[in-house]
């Protein structure tokens, strides 16, 4: 992933695409910071988690700018989120999420809300970076509730 970002950064420099270049630099910095924090190179899953967090931050900021009446800043945040999203794997469909949740419930033998933590742990390991954990949580609650 880092090699791909480096190549794309060079291409953005040559194309003089300042917005894309800044966003790629931001992604590289976030990945490097996480590597330093953990003390080792990131796995693909860890890298996806870092980039997913960046997308979530951009979407949250865009929502706040929208509520605050700043469509210019909202558009900038959404554009950054789109650039970062291009480096993430394809998100899971609703049917795939449901299947993963059902499988996790069967694996853990969950029977009620008190088992939600165990189910979420299993689901998170399978869907990390490919689905919004809030959406997954709602599906798990509906199935266990």
N, C-alpha and C. Protein backbone atom coordinates (compact mmCIF):
# COMPACT_ATOMS: atom_id res chain seq x y z
N UNK A 1 0.84 -1.19 0.00
CA UNK A 1 0.00 0.00 0.00
C UNK A 1 0.88 1.24 0.00
N UNK A 2 1.94 1.22 0.81
CA UNK A 2 2.82 2.38 0.90
C UNK A 2 3.51 2.65 -0.43
N UNK A 3 3.90 1.58 -1.13
CA UNK A 3 4.53 1.74 -2.45
C UNK A 3 3.56 2.37 -3.43
N UNK A 4 2.30 1.92 -3.38
CA UNK A 4 1.28 2.49 -4.26
C UNK A 4 1.07 3.97 -3.96
N UNK A 5 1.03 4.31 -2.69
CA UNK A 5 0.87 5.72 -2.30
C UNK A 5 2.05 6.56 -2.78
N UNK A 6 3.26 6.01 -2.70
CA UNK A 6 4.45 6.73 -3.16
C UNK A 6 4.37 6.98 -4.66
N UNK A 7 3.99 5.96 -5.42
CA UNK A 7 3.85 6.12 -6.87
C UNK A 7 2.78 7.15 -7.21
N UNK A 8 1.66 7.09 -6.52
CA UNK A 8 0.58 8.04 -6.76
C UNK A 8 0.97 9.45 -6.35
N UNK A 9 1.79 9.56 -5.31
CA UNK A 9 2.26 10.87 -4.87
C UNK A 9 3.14 11.49 -5.96
N UNK A 10 4.01 10.69 -6.55
CA UNK A 10 4.87 11.18 -7.63
C UNK A 10 4.03 11.64 -8.82
N UNK A 11 3.00 10.84 -9.15
CA UNK A 11 2.13 11.20 -10.27
C UNK A 11 1.37 12.49 -9.98
N UNK A 12 0.92 12.67 -8.74
CA UNK A 12 0.20 13.89 -8.37
C UNK A 12 1.13 15.10 -8.44
N UNK A 13 2.39 14.90 -8.06
CA UNK A 13 3.37 16.00 -8.15
C UNK A 13 3.56 16.42 -9.60
N UNK A 14 3.74 15.43 -10.48
CA UNK A 14 3.94 15.72 -11.90
C UNK A 14 2.72 16.39 -12.51
N UNK A 15 1.53 15.99 -12.09
CA UNK A 15 0.30 16.56 -12.61
C UNK A 15 -0.06 17.88 -11.94
N UNK A 16 0.70 18.24 -10.93
CA UNK A 16 0.44 19.47 -10.15
C UNK A 16 -0.97 19.47 -9.55
N UNK A 17 -1.40 18.29 -9.10
CA UNK A 17 -2.70 18.13 -8.46
C UNK A 17 -2.50 18.31 -6.95
N UNK A 18 -2.62 19.55 -6.50
CA UNK A 18 -2.30 19.88 -5.12
C UNK A 18 -3.22 19.19 -4.11
N UNK A 19 -4.50 19.11 -4.40
CA UNK A 19 -5.45 18.50 -3.46
C UNK A 19 -5.13 17.01 -3.27
N UNK A 20 -4.92 16.31 -4.38
CA UNK A 20 -4.61 14.87 -4.31
C UNK A 20 -3.27 14.65 -3.63
N UNK A 21 -2.29 15.49 -3.94
CA UNK A 21 -0.96 15.37 -3.33
C UNK A 21 -1.04 15.56 -1.82
N UNK A 22 -1.77 16.56 -1.37
CA UNK A 22 -1.90 16.81 0.07
C UNK A 22 -2.59 15.63 0.75
N UNK A 23 -3.60 15.08 0.11
CA UNK A 23 -4.33 13.96 0.70
C UNK A 23 -3.44 12.71 0.78
N UNK A 24 -2.68 12.45 -0.26
CA UNK A 24 -1.79 11.29 -0.24
C UNK A 24 -0.72 11.47 0.82
N UNK A 25 -0.19 12.65 0.95
CA UNK A 25 0.80 12.91 2.01
C UNK A 25 0.19 12.69 3.39
N UNK A 26 -1.06 13.11 3.56
CA UNK A 26 -1.77 12.90 4.82
C UNK A 26 -1.90 11.40 5.12
N UNK A 27 -2.26 10.62 4.11
CA UNK A 27 -2.40 9.18 4.30
C UNK A 27 -1.07 8.54 4.66
N UNK A 28 -0.02 8.92 3.95
CA UNK A 28 1.32 8.37 4.24
C UNK A 28 1.75 8.72 5.66
N UNK A 29 1.49 9.94 6.07
CA UNK A 29 1.86 10.37 7.42
C UNK A 29 1.09 9.58 8.48
N UNK A 30 -0.19 9.37 8.25
CA UNK A 30 -1.01 8.61 9.21
C UNK A 30 -0.50 7.18 9.32
N UNK A 31 -0.14 6.58 8.19
CA UNK A 31 0.39 5.21 8.21
C UNK A 31 1.72 5.16 8.93
N UNK A 32 2.59 6.11 8.63
CA UNK A 32 3.91 6.15 9.30
C UNK A 32 3.75 6.37 10.80
N UNK A 33 2.83 7.25 11.20
CA UNK A 33 2.59 7.50 12.63
C UNK A 33 2.15 6.21 13.33
N UNK A 34 1.27 5.47 12.69
CA UNK A 34 0.79 4.22 13.29
C UNK A 34 1.92 3.19 13.37
N UNK A 35 2.78 3.16 12.34
CA UNK A 35 3.93 2.24 12.37
C UNK A 35 4.84 2.57 13.54
N UNK A 36 5.08 3.85 13.75
CA UNK A 36 5.94 4.29 14.86
C UNK A 36 5.28 3.94 16.19
N UNK A 37 3.97 4.17 16.28
CA UNK A 37 3.24 3.88 17.51
C UNK A 37 3.31 2.39 17.86
N UNK A 38 3.14 1.54 16.85
CA UNK A 38 3.13 0.09 17.08
C UNK A 38 4.53 -0.52 17.11
N UNK A 39 5.49 0.16 16.49
CA UNK A 39 6.86 -0.33 16.50
C UNK A 39 7.15 -1.37 15.43
N UNK A 40 6.28 -1.48 14.42
CA UNK A 40 6.51 -2.40 13.31
C UNK A 40 5.73 -1.94 12.09
N UNK A 41 6.08 -2.51 10.94
CA UNK A 41 5.34 -2.19 9.73
C UNK A 41 3.91 -2.69 9.84
N UNK A 42 3.01 -1.98 9.20
CA UNK A 42 1.59 -2.34 9.31
C UNK A 42 1.23 -3.45 8.33
N UNK A 43 0.34 -4.32 8.78
CA UNK A 43 -0.22 -5.33 7.89
C UNK A 43 -1.26 -4.64 7.02
N UNK A 44 -1.74 -5.37 6.04
CA UNK A 44 -2.77 -4.82 5.15
C UNK A 44 -4.02 -4.44 5.95
N UNK A 45 -4.41 -5.28 6.88
CA UNK A 45 -5.60 -5.01 7.71
C UNK A 45 -5.41 -3.76 8.55
N UNK A 46 -4.23 -3.60 9.14
CA UNK A 46 -3.95 -2.42 9.97
C UNK A 46 -3.94 -1.15 9.11
N UNK A 47 -3.40 -1.26 7.90
CA UNK A 47 -3.36 -0.10 7.00
C UNK A 47 -4.78 0.29 6.60
N UNK A 48 -5.60 -0.70 6.31
CA UNK A 48 -7.00 -0.44 5.95
C UNK A 48 -7.72 0.24 7.12
N UNK A 49 -7.42 -0.20 8.34
CA UNK A 49 -8.05 0.40 9.52
C UNK A 49 -7.67 1.87 9.66
N UNK A 50 -6.40 2.18 9.41
CA UNK A 50 -5.93 3.58 9.49
C UNK A 50 -6.65 4.43 8.44
N UNK A 51 -6.72 3.93 7.21
CA UNK A 51 -7.36 4.70 6.15
C UNK A 51 -8.86 4.82 6.38
N UNK A 52 -9.48 3.78 6.92
CA UNK A 52 -10.92 3.84 7.24
C UNK A 52 -11.19 4.92 8.28
N UNK A 53 -10.29 5.02 9.24
CA UNK A 53 -10.44 6.05 10.28
C UNK A 53 -10.35 7.45 9.65
N UNK A 54 -9.44 7.61 8.69
CA UNK A 54 -9.32 8.91 8.02
C UNK A 54 -10.60 9.25 7.25
N UNK A 55 -11.19 8.26 6.58
CA UNK A 55 -12.43 8.49 5.84
C UNK A 55 -13.54 8.90 6.81
N UNK A 56 -13.63 8.19 7.92
CA UNK A 56 -14.67 8.49 8.92
C UNK A 56 -14.49 9.92 9.45
N UNK A 57 -13.24 10.31 9.73
CA UNK A 57 -12.98 11.67 10.21
C UNK A 57 -13.42 12.70 9.18
N UNK A 58 -13.11 12.44 7.89
CA UNK A 58 -13.49 13.39 6.84
C UNK A 58 -15.01 13.50 6.73
N UNK A 59 -15.70 12.36 6.80
CA UNK A 59 -17.17 12.38 6.69
C UNK A 59 -17.80 13.08 7.88
N UNK A 60 -17.26 12.86 9.07
CA UNK A 60 -17.77 13.55 10.26
C UNK A 60 -17.57 15.06 10.15
N UNK A 61 -16.38 15.45 9.69
CA UNK A 61 -16.09 16.88 9.53
C UNK A 61 -17.00 17.49 8.48
N UNK A 62 -17.23 16.76 7.39
CA UNK A 62 -18.11 17.26 6.33
C UNK A 62 -19.53 17.47 6.86
N UNK A 63 -20.00 16.55 7.68
CA UNK A 63 -21.33 16.69 8.26
C UNK A 63 -21.41 17.93 9.16
N UNK A 64 -20.36 18.16 9.93
CA UNK A 64 -20.34 19.33 10.81
C UNK A 64 -20.28 20.62 10.00
N UNK A 65 -19.48 20.62 8.93
CA UNK A 65 -19.42 21.81 8.09
C UNK A 65 -20.77 22.06 7.41
N UNK A 66 -21.44 20.99 7.02
CA UNK A 66 -22.76 21.13 6.41
C UNK A 66 -23.75 21.72 7.38
N UNK A 67 -23.72 21.25 8.62
CA UNK A 67 -24.61 21.78 9.66
C UNK A 67 -24.28 23.23 9.99
N UNK A 68 -23.01 23.58 9.83
CA UNK A 68 -22.57 24.94 10.14
C UNK A 68 -22.73 25.91 9.00
N UNK A 69 -23.26 25.44 7.88
CA UNK A 69 -23.48 26.34 6.75
C UNK A 69 -22.22 26.68 5.99
N UNK A 70 -21.28 25.73 5.92
CA UNK A 70 -20.03 25.95 5.19
C UNK A 70 -19.88 24.92 4.07
N UNK A 71 -20.65 25.07 2.99
CA UNK A 71 -20.61 24.08 1.91
C UNK A 71 -19.25 23.99 1.22
N UNK A 72 -18.46 25.06 1.23
CA UNK A 72 -17.14 25.03 0.62
C UNK A 72 -16.21 24.06 1.36
N UNK A 73 -16.20 24.15 2.68
CA UNK A 73 -15.36 23.26 3.48
C UNK A 73 -15.92 21.83 3.47
N UNK A 74 -17.24 21.73 3.43
CA UNK A 74 -17.87 20.41 3.36
C UNK A 74 -17.44 19.70 2.07
N UNK A 75 -17.44 20.40 0.96
CA UNK A 75 -17.05 19.81 -0.32
C UNK A 75 -15.60 19.37 -0.30
N UNK A 76 -14.74 20.17 0.34
CA UNK A 76 -13.32 19.81 0.42
C UNK A 76 -13.12 18.53 1.22
N UNK A 77 -13.83 18.40 2.33
CA UNK A 77 -13.72 17.20 3.16
C UNK A 77 -14.24 15.97 2.42
N UNK A 78 -15.35 16.13 1.71
CA UNK A 78 -15.91 15.01 0.95
C UNK A 78 -14.99 14.59 -0.19
N UNK A 79 -14.32 15.57 -0.79
CA UNK A 79 -13.37 15.25 -1.86
C UNK A 79 -12.19 14.45 -1.31
N UNK A 80 -11.68 14.84 -0.13
CA UNK A 80 -10.60 14.09 0.50
C UNK A 80 -11.05 12.68 0.86
N UNK A 81 -12.26 12.56 1.38
CA UNK A 81 -12.79 11.24 1.73
C UNK A 81 -12.87 10.35 0.50
N UNK A 82 -13.24 10.91 -0.64
CA UNK A 82 -13.34 10.14 -1.88
C UNK A 82 -11.96 9.66 -2.34
N UNK A 83 -10.96 10.51 -2.21
CA UNK A 83 -9.60 10.13 -2.59
C UNK A 83 -9.12 8.97 -1.71
N UNK A 84 -9.32 9.09 -0.40
CA UNK A 84 -8.88 8.04 0.53
C UNK A 84 -9.67 6.76 0.27
N UNK A 85 -10.96 6.89 0.04
CA UNK A 85 -11.83 5.73 -0.18
C UNK A 85 -11.35 4.89 -1.37
N UNK A 86 -10.74 5.53 -2.35
CA UNK A 86 -10.25 4.81 -3.53
C UNK A 86 -9.17 3.79 -3.18
N UNK A 87 -8.50 3.96 -2.06
CA UNK A 87 -7.44 3.04 -1.64
C UNK A 87 -7.95 1.91 -0.75
N UNK A 88 -9.21 1.98 -0.38
CA UNK A 88 -9.78 0.96 0.50
C UNK A 88 -10.43 -0.14 -0.33
N UNK A 89 -10.50 -1.35 0.25
CA UNK A 89 -11.19 -2.43 -0.47
C UNK A 89 -12.68 -2.12 -0.62
N UNK A 90 -13.30 -2.79 -1.55
CA UNK A 90 -14.73 -2.60 -1.81
C UNK A 90 -15.54 -2.89 -0.54
N UNK A 91 -16.45 -1.99 -0.14
CA UNK A 91 -17.24 -2.24 1.07
C UNK A 91 -18.15 -3.46 0.91
N UNK A 92 -18.45 -4.08 2.02
CA UNK A 92 -19.33 -5.26 2.02
C UNK A 92 -20.77 -4.83 1.76
N UNK A 93 -21.50 -5.67 1.04
CA UNK A 93 -22.91 -5.39 0.79
C UNK A 93 -23.72 -5.74 2.04
N UNK A 94 -24.98 -5.33 2.03
CA UNK A 94 -25.86 -5.60 3.16
C UNK A 94 -26.02 -7.11 3.36
N UNK A 95 -26.12 -7.86 2.25
CA UNK A 95 -26.27 -9.32 2.33
C UNK A 95 -25.02 -9.97 2.91
N UNK A 96 -23.84 -9.48 2.48
CA UNK A 96 -22.59 -10.04 3.00
C UNK A 96 -22.45 -9.75 4.49
N UNK A 97 -22.83 -8.54 4.90
CA UNK A 97 -22.77 -8.19 6.32
C UNK A 97 -23.70 -9.09 7.14
N UNK A 98 -24.90 -9.30 6.64
CA UNK A 98 -25.85 -10.16 7.34
C UNK A 98 -25.31 -11.57 7.48
N UNK A 99 -24.69 -12.07 6.42
CA UNK A 99 -24.13 -13.43 6.46
C UNK A 99 -23.00 -13.53 7.48
N UNK A 100 -22.15 -12.51 7.54
CA UNK A 100 -21.04 -12.50 8.51
C UNK A 100 -21.59 -12.45 9.93
N UNK A 101 -22.60 -11.63 10.17
CA UNK A 101 -23.21 -11.53 11.50
C UNK A 101 -23.85 -12.87 11.89
N UNK A 102 -24.59 -13.47 10.97
CA UNK A 102 -25.22 -14.76 11.27
C UNK A 102 -24.17 -15.83 11.60
N UNK A 103 -23.10 -15.84 10.83
CA UNK A 103 -22.01 -16.80 11.07
C UNK A 103 -21.37 -16.56 12.43
N UNK A 104 -21.15 -15.29 12.79
CA UNK A 104 -20.54 -14.96 14.08
C UNK A 104 -21.44 -15.37 15.24
N UNK A 105 -22.74 -15.18 15.08
CA UNK A 105 -23.69 -15.58 16.12
C UNK A 105 -23.65 -17.10 16.30
N UNK A 106 -23.58 -17.82 15.17
CA UNK A 106 -23.51 -19.28 15.24
C UNK A 106 -22.19 -19.74 15.88
N UNK A 107 -21.08 -19.09 15.52
CA UNK A 107 -19.75 -19.45 16.07
C UNK A 107 -19.70 -19.26 17.59
N UNK A 108 -20.24 -18.14 18.05
CA UNK A 108 -20.14 -17.80 19.48
C UNK A 108 -21.27 -18.42 20.30
N UNK A 109 -22.29 -18.92 19.63
CA UNK A 109 -23.43 -19.47 20.37
C UNK A 109 -24.21 -18.40 21.11
N UNK A 110 -24.20 -17.18 20.57
CA UNK A 110 -24.86 -16.05 21.22
C UNK A 110 -26.37 -16.26 21.26
N UNK A 111 -26.95 -15.86 22.39
CA UNK A 111 -28.40 -16.05 22.53
C UNK A 111 -29.12 -14.77 22.95
N UNK A 112 -28.37 -13.75 23.32
CA UNK A 112 -29.00 -12.51 23.76
C UNK A 112 -28.05 -11.34 23.71
N UNK A 113 -28.54 -10.19 24.17
CA UNK A 113 -27.74 -8.97 24.12
C UNK A 113 -26.46 -9.06 24.96
N UNK A 114 -26.46 -9.89 25.99
CA UNK A 114 -25.26 -9.99 26.82
C UNK A 114 -24.08 -10.59 26.04
N UNK A 115 -24.35 -11.23 24.91
CA UNK A 115 -23.30 -11.83 24.08
C UNK A 115 -22.85 -10.91 22.94
N UNK A 116 -23.36 -9.69 22.92
CA UNK A 116 -23.07 -8.79 21.81
C UNK A 116 -21.57 -8.52 21.66
N UNK A 117 -20.85 -8.35 22.76
CA UNK A 117 -19.42 -8.07 22.70
C UNK A 117 -18.64 -9.17 21.99
N UNK A 118 -18.97 -10.42 22.32
CA UNK A 118 -18.28 -11.54 21.68
C UNK A 118 -18.59 -11.59 20.19
N UNK A 119 -19.85 -11.37 19.84
CA UNK A 119 -20.24 -11.39 18.43
C UNK A 119 -19.55 -10.26 17.68
N UNK A 120 -19.54 -9.07 18.26
CA UNK A 120 -18.89 -7.92 17.61
C UNK A 120 -17.40 -8.17 17.40
N UNK A 121 -16.75 -8.83 18.35
CA UNK A 121 -15.33 -9.15 18.21
C UNK A 121 -15.07 -10.02 16.99
N UNK A 122 -15.90 -11.04 16.81
CA UNK A 122 -15.76 -11.95 15.67
C UNK A 122 -16.05 -11.21 14.36
N UNK A 123 -17.12 -10.44 14.35
CA UNK A 123 -17.51 -9.71 13.14
C UNK A 123 -16.45 -8.68 12.77
N UNK A 124 -15.94 -7.99 13.76
CA UNK A 124 -14.93 -6.96 13.50
C UNK A 124 -13.70 -7.54 12.83
N UNK A 125 -13.28 -8.73 13.27
CA UNK A 125 -12.09 -9.34 12.67
C UNK A 125 -12.33 -9.70 11.20
N UNK A 126 -13.57 -9.97 10.83
CA UNK A 126 -13.88 -10.37 9.45
C UNK A 126 -14.22 -9.19 8.55
N UNK A 127 -14.73 -8.11 9.13
CA UNK A 127 -15.23 -7.00 8.31
C UNK A 127 -14.44 -5.72 8.51
N UNK A 128 -13.34 -5.77 9.23
CA UNK A 128 -12.54 -4.57 9.54
C UNK A 128 -12.20 -3.80 8.27
N UNK A 129 -12.57 -2.53 8.25
CA UNK A 129 -12.23 -1.66 7.14
C UNK A 129 -13.13 -1.79 5.94
N UNK A 130 -14.02 -2.76 5.93
CA UNK A 130 -14.89 -2.96 4.79
C UNK A 130 -16.34 -2.64 5.10
N UNK A 131 -16.60 -2.23 6.35
CA UNK A 131 -17.97 -1.88 6.74
C UNK A 131 -17.94 -0.95 7.93
N UNK A 132 -18.97 -0.12 8.04
CA UNK A 132 -19.11 0.79 9.15
C UNK A 132 -19.52 0.00 10.39
N UNK A 133 -18.74 0.12 11.46
CA UNK A 133 -19.01 -0.66 12.66
C UNK A 133 -20.35 -0.27 13.29
N UNK A 134 -20.81 0.95 13.09
CA UNK A 134 -22.12 1.36 13.59
C UNK A 134 -23.24 0.59 12.90
N UNK A 135 -23.09 0.41 11.60
CA UNK A 135 -24.08 -0.36 10.84
C UNK A 135 -24.07 -1.82 11.29
N UNK A 136 -22.88 -2.37 11.50
CA UNK A 136 -22.75 -3.76 11.96
C UNK A 136 -23.39 -3.90 13.33
N UNK A 137 -23.13 -2.95 14.21
CA UNK A 137 -23.68 -2.98 15.56
C UNK A 137 -25.22 -3.01 15.52
N UNK A 138 -25.80 -2.21 14.62
CA UNK A 138 -27.26 -2.19 14.50
C UNK A 138 -27.79 -3.54 14.02
N UNK A 139 -27.08 -4.18 13.10
CA UNK A 139 -27.51 -5.50 12.61
C UNK A 139 -27.43 -6.53 13.73
N UNK A 140 -26.31 -6.49 14.49
CA UNK A 140 -26.14 -7.44 15.60
C UNK A 140 -27.24 -7.24 16.65
N UNK A 141 -27.53 -5.99 17.00
CA UNK A 141 -28.58 -5.70 17.98
C UNK A 141 -29.93 -6.23 17.52
N UNK A 142 -30.21 -6.03 16.23
CA UNK A 142 -31.49 -6.50 15.69
C UNK A 142 -31.58 -8.03 15.77
N UNK A 143 -30.48 -8.71 15.49
CA UNK A 143 -30.50 -10.17 15.52
C UNK A 143 -30.55 -10.73 16.93
N UNK A 144 -29.86 -10.06 17.86
CA UNK A 144 -29.82 -10.57 19.23
C UNK A 144 -30.99 -10.08 20.08
N UNK A 145 -31.55 -8.96 19.69
CA UNK A 145 -32.62 -8.36 20.46
C UNK A 145 -33.92 -9.02 20.17
